[in-house]
Protein backbone atom coordinates (compact mmCIF):
# COMPACT_ATOMS: atom_id res chain seq x y z
CA MET A 1 34.63 254.20 105.39
CA SER A 2 32.77 251.30 103.76
CA ARG A 3 29.36 251.61 102.15
CA LEU A 4 28.18 248.76 104.39
CA PHE A 5 29.10 250.69 107.56
CA ILE A 6 27.29 253.79 106.28
CA LEU A 7 24.18 251.74 105.49
CA VAL A 8 24.11 250.01 108.89
CA THR A 9 24.53 253.34 110.70
CA ALA A 10 21.71 254.94 108.69
CA VAL A 11 19.37 252.04 109.40
CA ALA A 12 20.14 252.23 113.12
CA LEU A 13 19.35 255.93 113.18
CA VAL A 14 15.97 255.27 111.55
CA CYS A 15 15.11 252.97 114.46
CA LEU A 16 15.54 255.71 117.02
CA THR A 17 14.50 258.86 115.22
CA GLY A 18 11.57 257.46 113.26
CA VAL A 19 12.80 259.25 110.09
CA SER A 20 11.99 257.13 107.05
CA THR A 21 14.18 256.61 104.02
CA ALA A 22 13.37 255.26 100.59
CA SER A 23 15.49 252.17 101.26
CA ALA A 24 13.78 251.28 104.55
CA ALA A 25 11.04 248.94 103.39
CA PRO A 26 8.58 247.77 106.08
CA THR A 27 8.90 244.09 106.94
CA ASP A 28 8.03 242.00 110.00
CA VAL A 29 7.22 244.16 113.06
CA VAL A 30 9.63 242.26 115.32
CA GLY A 31 13.25 243.39 115.04
CA THR A 32 13.01 245.58 111.94
CA ALA A 33 14.49 248.97 111.22
CA SER A 34 11.25 250.34 109.78
CA ARG A 35 9.43 250.66 113.12
CA ASP A 36 8.97 254.04 114.75
CA LEU A 37 9.34 253.19 118.44
CA ALA A 38 7.41 256.32 119.45
CA ARG A 39 4.28 254.80 117.91
CA SER A 40 2.35 251.90 119.41
CA GLY A 41 3.87 248.47 119.05
CA PRO A 42 2.27 245.39 117.47
CA TYR A 43 0.30 244.15 120.50
CA ASP A 44 -3.17 245.04 121.74
CA VAL A 45 -3.10 246.12 125.40
CA ALA A 46 -5.43 245.61 128.35
CA SER A 47 -5.24 247.14 131.82
CA THR A 48 -6.53 246.57 135.32
CA ALA A 49 -6.62 250.32 136.01
CA GLN A 50 -9.25 252.94 135.22
CA ILE A 51 -7.71 256.27 134.22
CA VAL A 52 -9.60 259.55 134.80
CA PRO A 53 -8.65 263.24 135.03
CA CYS A 54 -7.16 264.02 138.44
CA SER A 55 -9.67 265.62 140.78
CA GLY A 56 -10.30 266.32 144.44
CA PRO A 57 -8.11 268.02 147.08
CA GLY A 58 -4.65 268.75 145.77
CA ALA A 59 -5.39 268.18 142.10
CA ALA A 60 -5.21 271.86 141.11
CA ALA A 61 -1.93 272.32 142.97
CA GLN A 62 -0.48 269.16 141.41
CA ASN A 63 -1.41 270.30 137.92
CA ALA A 64 0.09 273.74 138.55
CA ASP A 65 3.30 272.17 139.84
CA ALA A 66 3.40 269.83 136.84
CA ARG A 67 3.16 272.81 134.48
CA ARG A 68 6.04 274.49 136.33
CA GLN A 69 8.10 271.36 135.75
CA GLY A 70 7.40 271.29 132.03
CA ALA A 71 4.21 269.23 131.62
CA ARG A 72 2.05 270.44 128.75
CA THR A 73 -1.01 268.24 129.34
CA PRO A 74 -3.36 267.85 132.35
CA LEU A 75 -2.52 265.05 134.76
CA GLN A 76 -4.39 261.75 134.65
CA CYS A 77 -5.03 259.60 137.74
CA THR A 78 -6.06 256.20 139.00
CA SER A 79 -8.17 255.90 142.16
CA THR A 80 -5.00 255.56 144.23
CA ALA A 81 -3.85 258.23 146.69
CA PRO A 82 -2.46 260.85 146.41
CA ILE A 83 -5.08 263.17 144.91
CA LEU A 84 -8.11 260.89 144.54
CA GLY A 85 -8.12 259.57 148.10
CA GLY A 86 -7.90 255.84 147.35
CA PRO A 87 -5.55 253.25 148.84
CA GLU A 88 -1.99 254.38 149.56
CA THR A 89 -0.48 251.11 148.31
CA SER A 90 -1.28 249.84 144.83
CA VAL A 91 -0.08 247.81 141.87
CA ASP A 92 -1.79 248.42 138.50
CA TYR A 93 -1.08 246.45 135.33
CA TRP A 94 -0.89 247.06 131.60
CA TYR A 95 -0.25 243.96 129.53
CA PRO A 96 -0.31 242.66 125.95
CA THR A 97 -3.32 240.45 125.27
CA VAL A 98 -1.21 237.90 123.40
CA ALA A 99 -1.00 234.54 125.20
CA GLY A 100 2.16 233.35 126.91
CA PRO A 101 4.69 234.74 129.40
CA ARG A 102 6.21 238.15 128.72
CA PRO A 103 9.01 240.18 130.40
CA LEU A 104 7.90 242.16 133.46
CA VAL A 105 8.65 245.87 133.94
CA VAL A 106 7.95 247.13 137.48
CA PHE A 107 7.70 250.93 137.36
CA VAL A 108 7.69 253.17 140.46
CA PRO A 109 6.37 256.78 140.22
CA GLY A 110 8.11 259.65 141.97
CA ASP A 111 7.17 260.99 145.40
CA GLY A 112 3.64 262.40 145.40
CA ALA A 113 2.90 261.17 141.89
CA ASN A 114 -0.26 259.23 141.09
CA PRO A 115 0.27 256.04 139.00
CA GLY A 116 -2.10 257.44 136.39
CA TYR A 117 0.48 260.04 135.40
CA PHE A 118 2.38 257.24 133.65
CA ALA A 119 -0.50 255.19 132.26
CA ALA A 120 0.20 256.21 128.66
CA LEU A 121 3.85 255.26 129.07
CA ALA A 122 2.89 251.89 130.56
CA ARG A 123 0.42 251.21 127.75
CA HIS A 124 3.07 252.10 125.17
CA TRP A 125 5.62 249.68 126.64
CA ALA A 126 2.99 246.96 126.90
CA SER A 127 2.23 247.37 123.19
CA PHE A 128 5.78 246.18 122.54
CA GLY A 129 5.25 242.99 124.52
CA PHE A 130 6.00 243.85 128.14
CA VAL A 131 3.79 243.37 131.17
CA VAL A 132 4.06 246.69 133.04
CA ALA A 133 3.22 246.91 136.74
CA ILE A 134 3.08 250.40 138.25
CA ALA A 135 3.72 249.95 141.97
CA MET A 136 3.32 252.57 144.67
CA ILE A 137 3.72 252.83 148.43
CA ARG A 138 2.94 256.44 149.23
CA HIS A 139 5.06 257.01 152.35
CA GLU A 140 7.92 254.57 151.85
CA VAL A 141 11.50 255.43 152.77
CA LEU A 142 13.29 252.32 151.53
CA PRO A 143 12.65 251.04 147.97
CA GLN A 144 9.97 248.55 149.02
CA SER A 145 7.63 249.47 146.15
CA SER A 146 9.85 247.79 143.54
CA PHE A 147 9.77 244.52 145.46
CA LEU A 148 6.06 244.89 146.21
CA GLY A 149 5.40 245.23 142.49
CA VAL A 150 7.41 242.12 141.65
CA ARG A 151 5.78 240.04 144.39
CA ARG A 152 2.22 241.01 143.46
CA ALA A 153 2.83 240.59 139.73
CA VAL A 154 4.36 237.13 140.17
CA ALA A 155 1.48 236.11 142.45
CA ALA A 156 -1.06 237.36 139.89
CA SER A 157 0.69 235.41 137.13
CA ARG A 158 0.30 232.22 139.18
CA ASP A 159 -3.36 232.83 140.08
CA PRO A 160 -5.86 231.24 137.66
CA ARG A 161 -8.45 233.85 138.69
CA SER A 162 -6.21 236.77 137.65
CA PRO A 163 -6.18 238.38 134.19
CA LEU A 164 -2.37 238.16 134.52
CA PHE A 165 -2.45 234.35 134.83
CA GLY A 166 0.43 232.83 132.85
CA ARG A 167 1.46 236.17 131.34
CA ILE A 168 4.73 236.91 133.18
CA ASP A 169 8.23 235.53 132.61
CA ASP A 170 9.65 235.40 136.15
CA ARG A 171 13.19 235.22 134.77
CA SER A 172 12.94 238.55 132.93
CA VAL A 173 12.27 241.29 135.49
CA ILE A 174 13.18 244.91 134.74
CA LEU A 175 13.04 247.51 137.53
CA ALA A 176 12.15 251.03 136.40
CA GLY A 177 10.88 254.34 137.70
CA HIS A 178 10.68 258.10 137.32
CA SER A 179 12.28 260.73 139.58
CA ALA A 180 12.42 259.37 143.15
CA GLY A 181 10.91 256.16 141.76
CA ALA A 182 13.89 255.82 139.42
CA THR A 183 16.27 256.24 142.35
CA LYS A 184 14.36 253.55 144.24
CA ALA A 185 14.59 251.21 141.26
CA VAL A 186 18.37 251.62 141.20
CA GLU A 187 18.54 251.14 144.97
CA ALA A 188 16.41 248.01 144.71
CA ALA A 189 18.78 246.60 142.10
CA GLY A 190 21.65 247.33 144.47
CA LEU A 191 19.87 245.32 147.17
CA VAL A 192 19.48 242.42 144.73
CA THR A 193 23.23 242.55 144.12
CA ALA A 194 23.91 242.69 147.86
CA ALA A 195 21.70 239.64 148.52
CA GLN A 196 23.46 237.70 145.78
CA ARG A 197 26.79 238.50 147.44
CA GLY A 198 25.56 237.04 150.71
CA LEU A 199 25.00 240.30 152.55
CA PRO A 200 22.05 240.49 154.99
CA VAL A 201 18.95 241.93 153.30
CA PRO A 202 15.41 241.92 154.81
CA ASN A 203 12.96 239.55 153.14
CA ASP A 204 10.69 242.37 151.94
CA LEU A 205 13.68 243.85 150.08
CA ARG A 206 14.45 240.66 148.15
CA LEU A 207 13.14 239.28 144.89
CA PRO A 208 10.75 236.33 145.19
CA THR A 209 12.35 232.91 144.86
CA GLY A 210 12.68 231.87 141.23
CA THR A 211 12.66 235.39 139.77
CA ALA A 212 15.63 237.02 138.06
CA LEU A 213 16.55 240.67 137.52
CA ARG A 214 17.53 241.45 133.94
CA ALA A 215 17.98 245.24 133.80
CA VAL A 216 17.22 248.66 135.31
CA LEU A 217 15.66 251.67 133.58
CA ALA A 218 16.10 254.94 135.52
CA VAL A 219 14.07 257.77 133.96
CA GLN A 220 15.10 261.18 135.29
CA PRO A 221 16.17 259.98 138.77
CA ASP A 222 16.43 262.43 141.61
CA ILE A 223 19.84 262.49 143.25
CA HIS A 224 19.06 262.78 146.95
CA ILE A 225 20.34 259.27 147.72
CA VAL A 226 23.70 257.91 146.64
CA THR A 227 23.39 254.45 145.06
CA ALA A 228 26.03 251.82 144.45
CA GLY A 229 26.65 248.16 143.69
CA VAL A 230 24.33 247.57 140.71
CA ASP A 231 25.69 244.85 138.45
CA VAL A 232 22.83 244.46 135.92
CA PRO A 233 22.57 246.54 132.73
CA THR A 234 21.27 250.01 133.59
CA PHE A 235 20.06 252.80 131.31
CA THR A 236 19.78 256.22 132.93
CA VAL A 237 18.18 259.06 130.98
CA THR A 238 17.47 262.68 131.91
CA GLY A 239 17.16 266.05 130.18
CA ASP A 240 19.29 269.18 129.93
CA ALA A 241 16.26 271.27 131.01
CA ASP A 242 15.55 269.09 134.06
CA GLU A 243 15.96 271.08 137.27
CA THR A 244 15.32 268.05 139.51
CA SER A 245 17.30 265.34 137.74
CA ARG A 246 20.37 267.44 136.99
CA PRO A 247 22.59 265.71 134.41
CA GLY A 248 25.90 266.36 136.15
CA LEU A 249 24.82 264.97 139.51
CA VAL A 250 22.89 262.09 137.97
CA GLY A 251 25.98 261.10 136.03
CA ALA A 252 28.16 261.21 139.12
CA LEU A 253 25.78 259.58 141.59
CA VAL A 254 23.98 257.01 139.44
CA TYR A 255 25.76 256.19 136.16
CA ASP A 256 29.29 256.28 137.61
CA ARG A 257 28.30 253.88 140.40
CA VAL A 258 26.85 251.09 138.26
CA THR A 259 29.35 248.23 138.16
CA GLY A 260 27.56 246.36 135.38
CA PRO A 261 26.89 247.63 131.83
CA ALA A 262 25.71 251.24 132.07
CA TRP A 263 24.39 253.75 129.54
CA PHE A 264 23.63 257.43 130.24
CA ALA A 265 21.84 259.87 127.94
CA VAL A 266 20.80 263.52 128.29
CA ALA A 267 17.87 264.54 126.07
CA ARG A 268 17.83 267.96 124.46
CA GLY A 269 15.22 270.28 125.99
CA ALA A 270 13.61 267.65 128.24
CA SER A 271 12.14 268.99 131.48
CA HIS A 272 11.37 266.88 134.55
CA LEU A 273 7.71 266.12 133.87
CA VAL A 274 7.89 265.74 130.12
CA THR A 275 7.10 262.08 130.87
CA VAL A 276 3.40 262.86 131.51
CA ASP A 277 2.91 264.29 128.02
CA PRO A 278 1.81 262.21 124.99
CA VAL A 279 4.31 259.42 124.49
CA ASP A 280 5.25 260.41 120.93
CA THR A 281 6.31 263.87 122.16
CA ILE A 282 8.68 262.63 124.90
CA PRO A 283 12.21 263.09 123.49
CA PHE A 284 13.61 259.83 124.84
CA THR A 285 10.63 257.52 124.13
CA ARG A 286 12.39 255.73 121.27
CA ALA A 287 15.62 255.17 123.20
CA VAL A 288 13.77 253.83 126.25
CA VAL A 289 11.73 251.38 124.16
CA ALA A 290 14.90 250.33 122.37
CA PHE A 291 16.55 249.55 125.71
CA LEU A 292 13.60 247.44 126.83
CA LEU A 293 13.61 245.59 123.51
CA ALA A 294 17.36 245.01 123.77
CA THR A 295 16.79 243.00 126.95
CA THR A 296 14.76 240.51 124.86
CA GLY A 297 17.33 240.25 122.06
CA ASP A 298 15.29 242.36 119.63
CA ALA A 299 17.49 243.53 116.76
CA THR A 300 16.19 247.12 116.71
CA GLY A 301 16.85 247.54 120.42
CA CYS A 302 20.27 245.98 120.26
CA ARG A 303 21.43 248.25 117.43
CA ALA A 304 20.82 251.21 119.74
CA PHE A 305 22.87 249.86 122.66
CA VAL A 306 25.21 247.07 121.53
CA GLY A 307 28.34 247.08 119.40
CA PRO A 308 30.92 249.61 118.21
CA GLY A 309 28.49 251.59 116.04
CA TRP A 310 25.76 252.06 118.65
CA ALA A 311 23.06 254.30 117.20
CA LEU A 312 22.27 256.22 120.38
CA ARG A 313 25.56 258.12 120.15
CA ALA A 314 24.58 259.61 116.78
CA ASP A 315 20.96 260.39 117.71
CA PRO A 316 20.42 264.19 117.59
CA THR A 317 17.76 263.85 120.30
CA PHE A 318 20.57 263.76 122.86
CA VAL A 319 23.19 266.32 123.83
CA ARG A 320 25.23 263.69 125.67
CA THR A 321 25.47 259.90 125.46
CA ILE A 322 28.05 257.76 127.23
CA ARG A 323 28.49 254.11 128.18
CA ASN A 324 30.98 252.31 130.36
CA GLY A 325 33.42 249.57 129.46
CA ALA A 326 31.06 246.81 130.50
CA ALA A 327 28.40 248.21 128.16
CA VAL A 328 30.88 248.35 125.28
CA SER A 329 31.61 244.65 125.64
CA THR A 330 28.06 243.44 126.32
CA GLY A 331 26.21 241.31 123.79
CA CYS A 332 22.62 240.88 122.71
CA PRO A 333 20.33 240.38 124.50
CA ILE A 334 21.63 242.70 127.17
CA GLY A 335 21.06 241.46 130.69
CA GLY A 336 20.62 237.95 131.96
CA ALA A 337 19.61 235.88 134.96
CA ARG A 338 20.65 237.48 138.24
């Protein structure tokens, strides 16, 4: 084994684990191995949402249920229903204050979850240069919330009166979600594939004209609905302590049915609501940020997911990591216009 291979592998592991070495000298924040992806990125972040402790009818029960599912911190909320009694349809934004268009991540919470649960996660992703829209339709059956989020975000980016004006790259859309929201994100990507193949799809379940889907991020998806036909790069992550997003079923019903590049990772000790805890304590924070960065061609992100020596496989955070043949042969950046 060459010394060069050993060095490259060690550098890649630093990217994901955040462990420093004497040889890893800090350089430019974009695409370097010295960044700890569990810490805030280089951009200042603004938001259209006000985050407060959850209160009102149902809040105590929600917090108790969250603790049963592994959450260690009290839930945070926006004014949106459920819990605080606000509107039952909403799109809230977190975005880097730097000028110019940025990739858009549309994130859908799980059933019964308030968007505020994931505000820290959204802020963290935005600090790495992504506009994050958390979209919710409380009583939806089909995955309309993903498309609602894209439509409203694109409209805001084209509205001179909006704080999002000019901030979104319509050609770099990533669909994401947690639990049932993750399943809906995968389903929405399947509908995009179906529309591109000429199959009949209702207008409210299509991407706006001129937009392009680049990738899907499915965080701890539930497995109540079988999904199929997704041809964009998809990263699915869950935990071995997750009683809702069970690794075996998630692998069979989500990862195995992605026809495009697909990665699947199972984090050691991660329970279902670990995602509401501080971002730097979530086991898969670094891997998820690396995936998002890989869609932009960032070197740190690509080392984790692209090439024969992909760092994710050697990351001790995970008890299982697999990728399909399409992922093995993909290049950097992962994803593209769809």
